[in-house]
Amino acid sequence: MNIAVFASGKGTNLSAIIRQVKKGSLKVNIALMVTDNPKAPAISRARRAGVKVVIITPKDFPDKKSFEAEVIDQLKQNNVDLVVLAGFMLILGPNLISAYKDKIINIHPALLPSFKGASAIKDALDYGVKLTGVTVHFVDEKIDNGPIIMQEPVKIEEKDSLEILEKKIHRLEHKIYPKAIGLLAENRFKIENRKVVIL
């Protein structure tokens, strides 16, 4: 299976995926790393691992539709089967989502449907929940809404600062994201209504 990893920032989830591919425990080919940010540290992580990098910045296009047309073109040129969002900070539009229906996944640092949005770790801590966690889900037209593939909890201790909780969440992300990608690569799932059944 050919995957494309989309990243806008540090690329730590990208590195976790690369590590598992190199170890042979994740049997996919990272065909492409796509970024909207020419300064993303993820670029050098990808290049060090020999992954092809494509930088596509929205400001170079007249509108979102033409930007996404270029993204789709790059995915098709590289025979991408699965799009893996790993800290990609742009909201995907309907054209890209429908072109890759049930073939785009995201990792979210909370137990969805709780704490949607970009500040999920801080929101969970501020709210005072005792458990938060990580969700891997398919992407649909709504934000942090698609069918859930995998979830794992993280316990919030009384002494946890935002920094400590972020580290706990990221450690778990790096463990479960490659695992979820592996399930999809082996086609060990089906979607019934909005439930993802693992086979």
Protein backbone atom coordinates (compact mmCIF):
# COMPACT_ATOMS: atom_id res chain seq x y z
CA MET A 1 0.00 0.00 0.00
CA ASN A 2 1.26 3.49 -0.92
CA ILE A 3 0.58 6.15 1.70
CA ALA A 4 1.00 9.93 1.70
CA VAL A 5 1.67 11.63 5.02
CA PHE A 6 0.42 15.24 5.31
CA ALA A 7 2.24 17.36 7.92
CA SER A 8 2.46 21.09 8.66
CA GLY A 9 4.76 21.09 11.69
CA LYS A 10 7.38 19.06 13.52
CA GLY A 11 6.52 15.72 11.96
CA THR A 12 6.94 13.52 15.05
CA ASN A 13 4.10 11.22 13.93
CA LEU A 14 5.76 11.04 10.51
CA SER A 15 8.98 9.91 12.23
CA ALA A 16 7.07 7.28 14.24
CA ILE A 17 5.56 5.89 11.01
CA ILE A 18 8.97 5.90 9.27
CA ARG A 19 10.51 4.00 12.23
CA GLN A 20 7.88 1.24 12.07
CA VAL A 21 8.25 0.94 8.27
CA LYS A 22 12.05 0.61 8.65
CA LYS A 23 11.63 -2.02 11.38
CA GLY A 24 9.34 -3.99 9.06
CA SER A 25 6.41 -3.96 11.52
CA LEU A 26 4.41 -1.63 9.25
CA LYS A 27 4.24 -2.90 5.70
CA VAL A 28 3.49 0.21 3.66
CA ASN A 29 5.42 2.42 1.29
CA ILE A 30 5.57 6.12 2.21
CA ALA A 31 5.23 7.41 -1.35
CA LEU A 32 4.97 11.06 -0.44
CA MET A 33 5.08 13.66 2.31
CA VAL A 34 2.84 16.64 1.53
CA THR A 35 3.14 19.93 3.41
CA ASP A 36 1.52 23.35 3.12
CA ASN A 37 4.36 24.91 5.16
CA PRO A 38 7.74 25.42 3.42
CA LYS A 39 9.38 25.84 6.86
CA ALA A 40 7.96 22.67 8.45
CA PRO A 41 10.61 20.65 10.34
CA ALA A 42 8.78 17.58 8.99
CA ILE A 43 10.41 18.27 5.60
CA SER A 44 13.93 17.48 6.83
CA ARG A 45 12.66 14.41 8.72
CA ALA A 46 11.12 13.10 5.49
CA ARG A 47 14.18 13.87 3.35
CA ARG A 48 16.54 12.20 5.83
CA ALA A 49 14.44 9.05 5.48
CA GLY A 50 14.46 9.26 1.68
CA VAL A 51 10.76 10.15 1.45
CA LYS A 52 9.72 12.34 -1.49
CA VAL A 53 8.52 15.76 -0.31
CA VAL A 54 5.94 17.94 -2.09
CA ILE A 55 5.40 21.50 -0.82
CA ILE A 56 2.04 22.93 -1.92
CA THR A 57 1.22 26.32 -0.38
CA PRO A 58 -2.39 27.59 -0.60
CA LYS A 59 -1.27 31.19 -1.25
CA ASP A 60 0.13 30.07 -4.63
CA PHE A 61 -3.39 29.24 -5.83
CA PRO A 62 -6.38 31.47 -6.54
CA ASP A 63 -8.74 29.37 -4.39
CA LYS A 64 -9.06 26.23 -2.30
CA LYS A 65 -10.49 24.23 -5.21
CA SER A 66 -7.42 24.75 -7.40
CA PHE A 67 -5.08 24.13 -4.44
CA GLU A 68 -6.82 20.81 -3.76
CA ALA A 69 -6.79 19.93 -7.48
CA GLU A 70 -2.98 20.13 -7.32
CA VAL A 71 -2.92 17.99 -4.16
CA ILE A 72 -5.16 15.35 -5.82
CA ASP A 73 -2.95 15.42 -8.92
CA GLN A 74 0.17 14.74 -6.82
CA LEU A 75 -1.58 11.89 -4.98
CA LYS A 76 -2.67 10.29 -8.25
CA GLN A 77 0.77 10.70 -9.85
CA ASN A 78 2.29 8.84 -6.91
CA ASN A 79 -0.40 6.11 -6.81
CA VAL A 80 -1.41 6.96 -3.23
CA ASP A 81 -3.93 4.56 -1.65
CA LEU A 82 -4.24 6.15 1.80
CA VAL A 83 -3.79 9.73 3.04
CA VAL A 84 -2.46 10.00 6.61
CA LEU A 85 -2.90 13.39 8.30
CA ALA A 86 -0.16 13.91 10.88
CA GLY A 87 -0.38 17.43 12.29
CA PHE A 88 -1.72 18.89 9.04
CA MET A 89 -3.20 22.25 9.97
CA LEU A 90 -5.43 22.91 6.96
CA ILE A 91 -9.07 21.83 6.93
CA LEU A 92 -9.64 19.60 3.91
CA GLY A 93 -12.29 20.64 1.41
CA PRO A 94 -15.07 18.51 -0.13
CA ASN A 95 -13.21 17.86 -3.41
CA LEU A 96 -10.26 16.15 -1.75
CA ILE A 97 -12.47 14.31 0.74
CA SER A 98 -14.76 12.93 -1.98
CA ALA A 99 -11.80 12.00 -4.24
CA TYR A 100 -10.38 9.88 -1.38
CA LYS A 101 -13.56 8.83 0.43
CA ASP A 102 -12.76 6.50 3.38
CA LYS A 103 -9.10 6.78 2.39
CA ILE A 104 -8.09 9.74 4.57
CA ILE A 105 -7.33 9.26 8.26
CA ASN A 106 -6.41 11.61 11.07
CA ILE A 107 -5.07 11.32 14.61
CA HIS A 108 -6.69 13.53 17.25
CA PRO A 109 -5.26 14.11 20.76
CA ALA A 110 -8.49 13.43 22.68
CA LEU A 111 -11.20 10.79 22.96
CA LEU A 112 -13.64 11.96 20.32
CA PRO A 113 -16.37 13.14 20.28
CA SER A 114 -15.04 15.05 23.31
CA PHE A 115 -12.67 18.01 22.86
CA LYS A 116 -12.73 18.55 19.12
CA GLY A 117 -10.55 21.23 17.54
CA ALA A 118 -6.94 22.39 17.64
CA SER A 119 -6.47 22.81 21.42
CA ALA A 120 -7.85 19.43 22.53
CA ILE A 121 -5.09 18.60 25.06
CA LYS A 122 -5.39 21.95 26.86
CA ASP A 123 -9.20 21.81 26.71
CA ALA A 124 -9.27 18.38 28.38
CA LEU A 125 -6.86 19.52 31.10
CA ASP A 126 -8.76 22.77 31.73
CA TYR A 127 -12.09 20.92 31.88
CA GLY A 128 -10.79 18.69 34.66
CA VAL A 129 -11.49 15.28 33.08
CA LYS A 130 -9.66 12.33 34.64
CA LEU A 131 -9.23 10.53 31.31
CA THR A 132 -8.37 11.80 27.88
CA GLY A 133 -6.59 9.96 25.10
CA VAL A 134 -5.99 9.54 21.40
CA THR A 135 -8.39 8.82 18.52
CA VAL A 136 -7.58 7.63 15.00
CA HIS A 137 -10.53 8.31 12.70
CA PHE A 138 -11.56 8.58 9.07
CA VAL A 139 -11.95 12.13 7.78
CA ASP A 140 -15.29 13.38 6.51
CA GLU A 141 -16.72 16.82 5.72
CA LYS A 142 -17.10 17.81 9.38
CA ILE A 143 -14.21 18.57 11.74
CA ASP A 144 -13.04 15.64 13.94
CA ASN A 145 -16.20 13.75 13.06
CA GLY A 146 -15.52 10.70 10.85
CA PRO A 147 -15.87 7.03 11.88
CA ILE A 148 -13.49 6.03 14.69
CA ILE A 149 -10.89 3.36 13.87
CA MET A 150 -9.05 3.17 17.18
CA GLN A 151 -8.99 4.89 20.58
CA GLU A 152 -6.78 4.55 23.63
CA PRO A 153 -7.08 6.40 26.94
CA VAL A 154 -4.54 8.48 28.86
CA LYS A 155 -4.99 9.04 32.58
CA ILE A 156 -4.65 12.64 33.78
CA GLU A 157 -2.86 12.81 37.12
CA GLU A 158 -3.40 15.68 39.58
CA LYS A 159 0.18 16.90 39.07
CA ASP A 160 0.10 16.84 35.24
CA SER A 161 1.00 20.12 33.58
CA LEU A 162 0.05 20.81 29.97
CA GLU A 163 3.62 19.90 28.94
CA ILE A 164 3.51 16.54 30.77
CA LEU A 165 0.10 15.69 29.33
CA GLU A 166 1.26 16.61 25.81
CA LYS A 167 4.23 14.23 26.18
CA LYS A 168 1.93 11.40 27.35
CA ILE A 169 -0.46 11.99 24.43
CA HIS A 170 2.33 12.16 21.83
CA ARG A 171 3.93 8.95 23.14
CA LEU A 172 0.59 7.17 22.70
CA GLU A 173 0.03 8.72 19.26
CA HIS A 174 3.38 7.37 18.07
CA LYS A 175 2.34 3.90 19.24
CA ILE A 176 -1.22 3.65 17.92
CA TYR A 177 -1.04 5.57 14.62
CA PRO A 178 1.28 3.04 12.91
CA LYS A 179 -0.89 0.25 14.36
CA ALA A 180 -4.07 1.75 12.84
CA ILE A 181 -2.34 2.29 9.47
CA GLY A 182 -1.28 -1.36 9.56
CA LEU A 183 -4.90 -2.51 10.03
CA LEU A 184 -6.01 -0.48 7.03
CA ALA A 185 -3.06 -1.64 4.91
CA GLU A 186 -4.04 -5.26 5.62
CA ASN A 187 -7.69 -4.41 4.83
CA ARG A 188 -8.74 -5.71 8.24
CA PHE A 189 -11.75 -3.44 8.64
CA LYS A 190 -15.18 -2.61 7.33
CA ILE A 191 -17.40 0.43 7.91
CA GLU A 192 -20.99 -0.28 8.95
CA ASN A 193 -23.08 2.91 9.28
CA ARG A 194 -20.53 4.90 11.22
CA LYS A 195 -18.92 1.99 13.08
CA VAL A 196 -15.51 0.73 12.02
CA VAL A 197 -15.46 -3.03 12.58
CA ILE A 198 -11.95 -4.50 12.96
CA LEU A 199 -11.74 -7.92 11.32
